[in-house]
Amino acid sequence: MSVANHGHSDPAECRGTPIKKMKSKAVEIDSRITPQAKRDAHIHYIVAFCGGFLTVFPLENIVKSFGSSQTTHLIEMVRLLIGKDWFELGLRFAGVLIFALPIFFVTYAKEHTKINVKYLALLVDVAMGFLMWLMPTNWPKVVYLYPTFFAMSLQWSSFSGSYGYAASTNFCTNNFKQTISALTEYFCNGKNEFKLKAQFYGAVLAGYYLGIFAGFKLFEKLGNFCFTLVTIPCAIIAVLIATFPKDSAE
């Protein structure tokens, strides 16, 4: 006795379609975890450590301010403009230019030159670490933000991320947001494809705050000389970059 199909698909086919989709999605996710992508991710974690480490300089010196972004700096410029403090405003404007110049340079260099901006960013991190050590203590307060502005701007522009995710290496607000949202999607909504995203952003956050922790502890022992020690993680990053003949980000 035959059973009429009544236009319905075979149950096995119905069950097979979502399984195929799930398998193809798993393949898509796994395809991002290449040896070079892993290498780029490990580099990014160490660069985040350097970003956190150098961030300690303005916090522990006379500025007592966060020097890795422009938000507070630009707000202060508005206050100085209202108060007509032209000298201080000029120093602040110079800081804006110092932060903007590396962004312009990296954007131009990636398209029009063969300069490896990642090596350049590492050299600048080391140079700024030594400048932080050698700077006198009697200059205008805002000037102590300049080394951090220049180093962090160049670093941020040169190291974008890995696995298709963009993550800042010198401040954490968006990285924190991305970590929490990815964890929510993974644990609460059952979306397994967000596991890699949560791991990546969480590791960048961990690297950043390990750098801050190391900066504070070493500053207690060595003062501003400690910032020259950024040479060590920068050297490790340079070796990791050199393990591949062509940089994935270029």
Protein backbone atom coordinates (compact mmCIF):
# COMPACT_ATOMS: atom_id res chain seq x y z
CA MET A 1 0.00 0.00 0.00
CA SER A 2 1.52 3.29 -1.07
CA VAL A 3 1.43 6.40 1.00
CA ALA A 4 0.75 9.65 -0.79
CA ASN A 5 3.44 12.31 -0.48
CA HIS A 6 0.94 15.18 -0.69
CA GLY A 7 3.73 17.47 -1.88
CA HIS A 8 5.82 17.16 1.30
CA SER A 9 9.58 16.66 1.14
CA ASP A 10 11.26 13.56 2.41
CA PRO A 11 11.81 13.91 6.21
CA ALA A 12 15.43 12.90 5.80
CA GLU A 13 15.91 15.71 3.31
CA CYS A 14 14.25 18.16 5.69
CA ARG A 15 16.53 17.07 8.47
CA GLY A 16 19.56 17.14 6.20
CA THR A 17 19.22 20.74 5.08
CA PRO A 18 19.87 22.44 8.44
CA ILE A 19 22.63 19.94 9.19
CA LYS A 20 24.35 20.86 5.96
CA LYS A 21 23.98 24.53 6.82
CA MET A 22 25.44 23.94 10.27
CA LYS A 23 28.36 22.02 8.80
CA SER A 24 29.05 24.70 6.22
CA LYS A 25 28.92 27.36 8.95
CA ALA A 26 31.39 25.35 11.04
CA VAL A 27 33.70 25.08 8.05
CA GLU A 28 33.39 28.81 7.49
CA ILE A 29 34.35 29.52 11.11
CA ASP A 30 37.22 27.02 11.13
CA SER A 31 38.60 28.39 7.87
CA ARG A 32 39.51 31.61 9.65
CA ILE A 33 41.78 29.82 12.11
CA THR A 34 44.77 29.48 9.79
CA PRO A 35 48.38 29.31 11.07
CA GLN A 36 48.97 32.88 9.93
CA ALA A 37 45.73 34.12 11.53
CA LYS A 38 46.79 32.50 14.80
CA ARG A 39 50.19 34.15 14.47
CA ASP A 40 48.53 37.53 13.84
CA ALA A 41 46.26 37.02 16.86
CA HIS A 42 49.21 36.21 19.15
CA ILE A 43 51.00 39.29 17.85
CA HIS A 44 47.92 41.38 18.59
CA TYR A 45 47.78 40.17 22.18
CA ILE A 46 51.41 41.16 22.76
CA VAL A 47 50.91 44.52 21.03
CA ALA A 48 47.98 45.12 23.39
CA PHE A 49 50.36 44.39 26.27
CA CYS A 50 52.71 47.10 24.91
CA GLY A 51 49.78 49.49 24.57
CA GLY A 52 48.74 48.98 28.17
CA PHE A 53 52.33 49.17 29.38
CA LEU A 54 53.07 52.55 27.73
CA THR A 55 49.67 53.90 28.79
CA VAL A 56 50.97 53.94 32.37
CA PHE A 57 53.47 56.76 31.62
CA PRO A 58 51.04 59.73 31.67
CA LEU A 59 49.04 58.13 34.47
CA GLU A 60 52.06 57.86 36.78
CA ASN A 61 53.70 61.17 35.85
CA ILE A 62 52.53 64.74 36.35
CA VAL A 63 49.74 64.49 33.77
CA LYS A 64 47.75 61.94 35.82
CA SER A 65 45.61 61.43 32.75
CA PHE A 66 44.80 58.73 30.22
CA GLY A 67 46.86 59.44 27.10
CA SER A 68 45.77 56.81 24.59
CA SER A 69 42.78 58.55 23.05
CA GLN A 70 41.77 62.05 22.08
CA THR A 71 38.39 62.31 23.83
CA THR A 72 39.53 63.97 27.05
CA HIS A 73 42.13 65.99 25.16
CA LEU A 74 39.57 67.49 22.77
CA ILE A 75 37.12 68.20 25.60
CA GLU A 76 39.88 70.08 27.40
CA MET A 77 40.49 72.11 24.22
CA VAL A 78 36.89 73.27 24.26
CA ARG A 79 37.27 74.39 27.89
CA LEU A 80 40.49 76.25 27.05
CA LEU A 81 38.85 77.91 24.05
CA ILE A 82 36.04 79.22 26.24
CA GLY A 83 38.58 80.42 28.82
CA LYS A 84 40.80 81.95 26.08
CA ASP A 85 43.94 80.24 27.36
CA TRP A 86 45.71 80.47 24.02
CA PHE A 87 49.10 79.09 25.07
CA GLU A 88 47.66 75.93 26.62
CA LEU A 89 45.25 75.63 23.71
CA GLY A 90 48.19 75.77 21.30
CA LEU A 91 49.95 72.98 23.18
CA ARG A 92 46.78 70.91 23.06
CA PHE A 93 46.40 71.55 19.33
CA ALA A 94 49.97 70.36 18.80
CA GLY A 95 48.95 67.17 20.59
CA VAL A 96 46.07 66.70 18.15
CA LEU A 97 48.49 67.00 15.23
CA ILE A 98 50.89 64.54 16.87
CA PHE A 99 48.04 62.03 17.21
CA ALA A 100 46.75 62.65 13.67
CA LEU A 101 50.07 62.45 11.84
CA PRO A 102 50.69 58.69 12.30
CA ILE A 103 47.13 57.92 11.15
CA PHE A 104 47.71 59.92 7.97
CA PHE A 105 51.12 58.35 7.43
CA VAL A 106 50.00 54.72 7.89
CA THR A 107 46.96 55.22 5.65
CA TYR A 108 49.17 56.69 2.94
CA ALA A 109 52.06 54.24 3.37
CA LYS A 110 49.89 51.13 3.05
CA GLU A 111 48.65 52.25 -0.36
CA HIS A 112 51.64 54.07 -1.84
CA THR A 113 54.82 52.62 -0.32
CA LYS A 114 56.40 49.28 0.56
CA ILE A 115 57.11 50.33 4.14
CA ASN A 116 56.19 47.69 6.70
CA VAL A 117 54.33 49.95 9.13
CA LYS A 118 54.27 47.25 11.80
CA TYR A 119 58.04 47.24 12.14
CA LEU A 120 57.94 51.04 12.18
CA ALA A 121 55.33 51.04 14.96
CA LEU A 122 57.52 48.73 17.05
CA LEU A 123 60.55 50.99 16.58
CA VAL A 124 58.47 54.00 17.61
CA ASP A 125 57.20 52.18 20.71
CA VAL A 126 60.80 51.52 21.74
CA ALA A 127 61.88 55.09 20.93
CA MET A 128 58.98 56.55 22.89
CA GLY A 129 59.79 54.26 25.83
CA PHE A 130 63.30 55.75 25.98
CA LEU A 131 61.91 59.27 25.53
CA MET A 132 59.57 58.68 28.48
CA TRP A 133 62.61 57.76 30.55
CA LEU A 134 64.67 60.79 29.49
CA MET A 135 62.01 63.51 29.59
CA PRO A 136 62.68 66.19 32.24
CA THR A 137 60.06 67.02 34.84
CA ASN A 138 59.78 70.78 34.32
CA TRP A 139 58.00 70.96 30.95
CA PRO A 140 54.34 72.00 30.52
CA LYS A 141 52.00 69.28 31.70
CA VAL A 142 50.38 68.52 28.35
CA VAL A 143 53.75 67.82 26.69
CA TYR A 144 53.99 64.58 28.67
CA LEU A 145 51.07 63.28 26.63
CA TYR A 146 52.95 63.66 23.34
CA PRO A 147 54.99 60.41 23.43
CA THR A 148 51.89 58.38 24.24
CA PHE A 149 49.84 60.17 21.57
CA PHE A 150 52.41 59.43 18.88
CA ALA A 151 53.19 55.83 19.87
CA MET A 152 49.59 54.78 20.48
CA SER A 153 48.26 56.41 17.31
CA LEU A 154 50.87 54.67 15.15
CA GLN A 155 50.39 51.36 16.95
CA TRP A 156 46.59 51.52 16.64
CA SER A 157 46.80 52.30 12.92
CA SER A 158 49.37 49.60 12.17
CA PHE A 159 47.91 46.61 14.06
CA SER A 160 44.26 46.13 13.22
CA GLY A 161 43.36 42.65 14.49
CA SER A 162 42.94 39.05 13.36
CA TYR A 163 40.33 36.44 12.38
CA GLY A 164 38.46 39.23 10.60
CA TYR A 165 37.95 41.19 13.84
CA ALA A 166 39.28 44.70 14.43
CA ALA A 167 40.48 45.44 17.96
CA SER A 168 42.28 48.44 19.41
CA THR A 169 45.53 47.73 21.22
CA ASN A 170 45.60 50.93 23.29
CA PHE A 171 42.17 51.34 24.84
CA CYS A 172 39.48 48.88 25.73
CA THR A 173 35.91 50.25 25.63
CA ASN A 174 34.93 48.67 22.32
CA ASN A 175 36.94 45.52 23.05
CA PHE A 176 35.04 45.13 26.32
CA LYS A 177 31.71 45.64 24.51
CA GLN A 178 32.59 43.09 21.83
CA THR A 179 33.67 40.54 24.44
CA ILE A 180 30.44 40.85 26.42
CA SER A 181 28.19 40.78 23.34
CA ALA A 182 30.00 37.74 21.91
CA LEU A 183 29.79 35.87 25.23
CA THR A 184 26.07 36.68 25.41
CA GLU A 185 25.49 35.33 21.90
CA TYR A 186 27.50 32.20 22.71
CA PHE A 187 26.15 31.28 26.15
CA CYS A 188 22.64 32.76 26.14
CA ASN A 189 21.60 32.45 22.49
CA GLY A 190 23.48 29.27 21.59
CA LYS A 191 25.37 30.83 18.69
CA ASN A 192 28.57 28.82 18.54
CA GLU A 193 30.12 31.04 15.84
CA PHE A 194 30.66 33.75 18.46
CA LYS A 195 33.04 31.60 20.53
CA LEU A 196 36.11 32.63 18.52
CA LYS A 197 35.08 36.29 18.70
CA ALA A 198 34.75 36.16 22.49
CA GLN A 199 38.11 34.41 22.82
CA PHE A 200 39.88 36.94 20.61
CA TYR A 201 38.50 40.12 22.20
CA GLY A 202 38.86 38.65 25.68
CA ALA A 203 42.52 37.83 25.04
CA VAL A 204 43.18 41.36 23.72
CA LEU A 205 41.65 42.76 26.92
CA ALA A 206 43.78 40.40 29.02
CA GLY A 207 46.94 41.46 27.18
CA TYR A 208 46.14 45.14 27.61
CA TYR A 209 45.53 44.92 31.35
CA LEU A 210 48.52 42.67 31.92
CA GLY A 211 50.55 45.46 30.32
CA ILE A 212 49.00 48.03 32.65
CA PHE A 213 49.65 45.80 35.67
CA ALA A 214 53.28 45.32 34.62
CA GLY A 215 53.66 49.06 34.03
CA PHE A 216 52.42 49.99 37.49
CA LYS A 217 54.50 47.34 39.27
CA LEU A 218 57.71 48.12 37.36
CA PHE A 219 57.22 51.86 37.80
CA GLU A 220 57.22 51.32 41.57
CA LYS A 221 60.68 49.72 41.30
CA LEU A 222 62.32 51.53 38.39
CA GLY A 223 60.49 54.80 37.82
CA ASN A 224 60.39 56.06 34.22
CA PHE A 225 63.29 53.79 33.28
CA CYS A 226 60.83 50.90 33.26
CA PHE A 227 59.28 52.11 30.00
CA THR A 228 62.50 51.24 28.14
CA LEU A 229 61.65 47.60 28.87
CA VAL A 230 58.97 47.78 26.16
CA THR A 231 61.92 46.75 23.97
CA ILE A 232 61.46 43.14 25.12
CA PRO A 233 57.87 42.52 23.92
CA CYS A 234 58.54 44.58 20.79
CA ALA A 235 61.48 42.31 19.95
CA ILE A 236 59.26 39.25 20.41
CA ILE A 237 56.65 40.74 18.08
CA ALA A 238 59.30 41.51 15.45
CA VAL A 239 60.45 37.87 15.50
CA LEU A 240 56.86 36.63 15.12
CA ILE A 241 56.26 38.97 12.17
CA ALA A 242 59.46 37.77 10.53
CA THR A 243 58.33 34.11 10.63
CA PHE A 244 56.13 34.76 7.62
CA PRO A 245 57.66 36.22 4.43
CA LYS A 246 54.59 38.33 3.72
CA ASP A 247 52.54 40.04 6.39
CA SER A 248 48.88 39.08 6.28
CA ALA A 249 47.78 42.65 6.95
CA GLU A 250 49.59 44.12 3.97
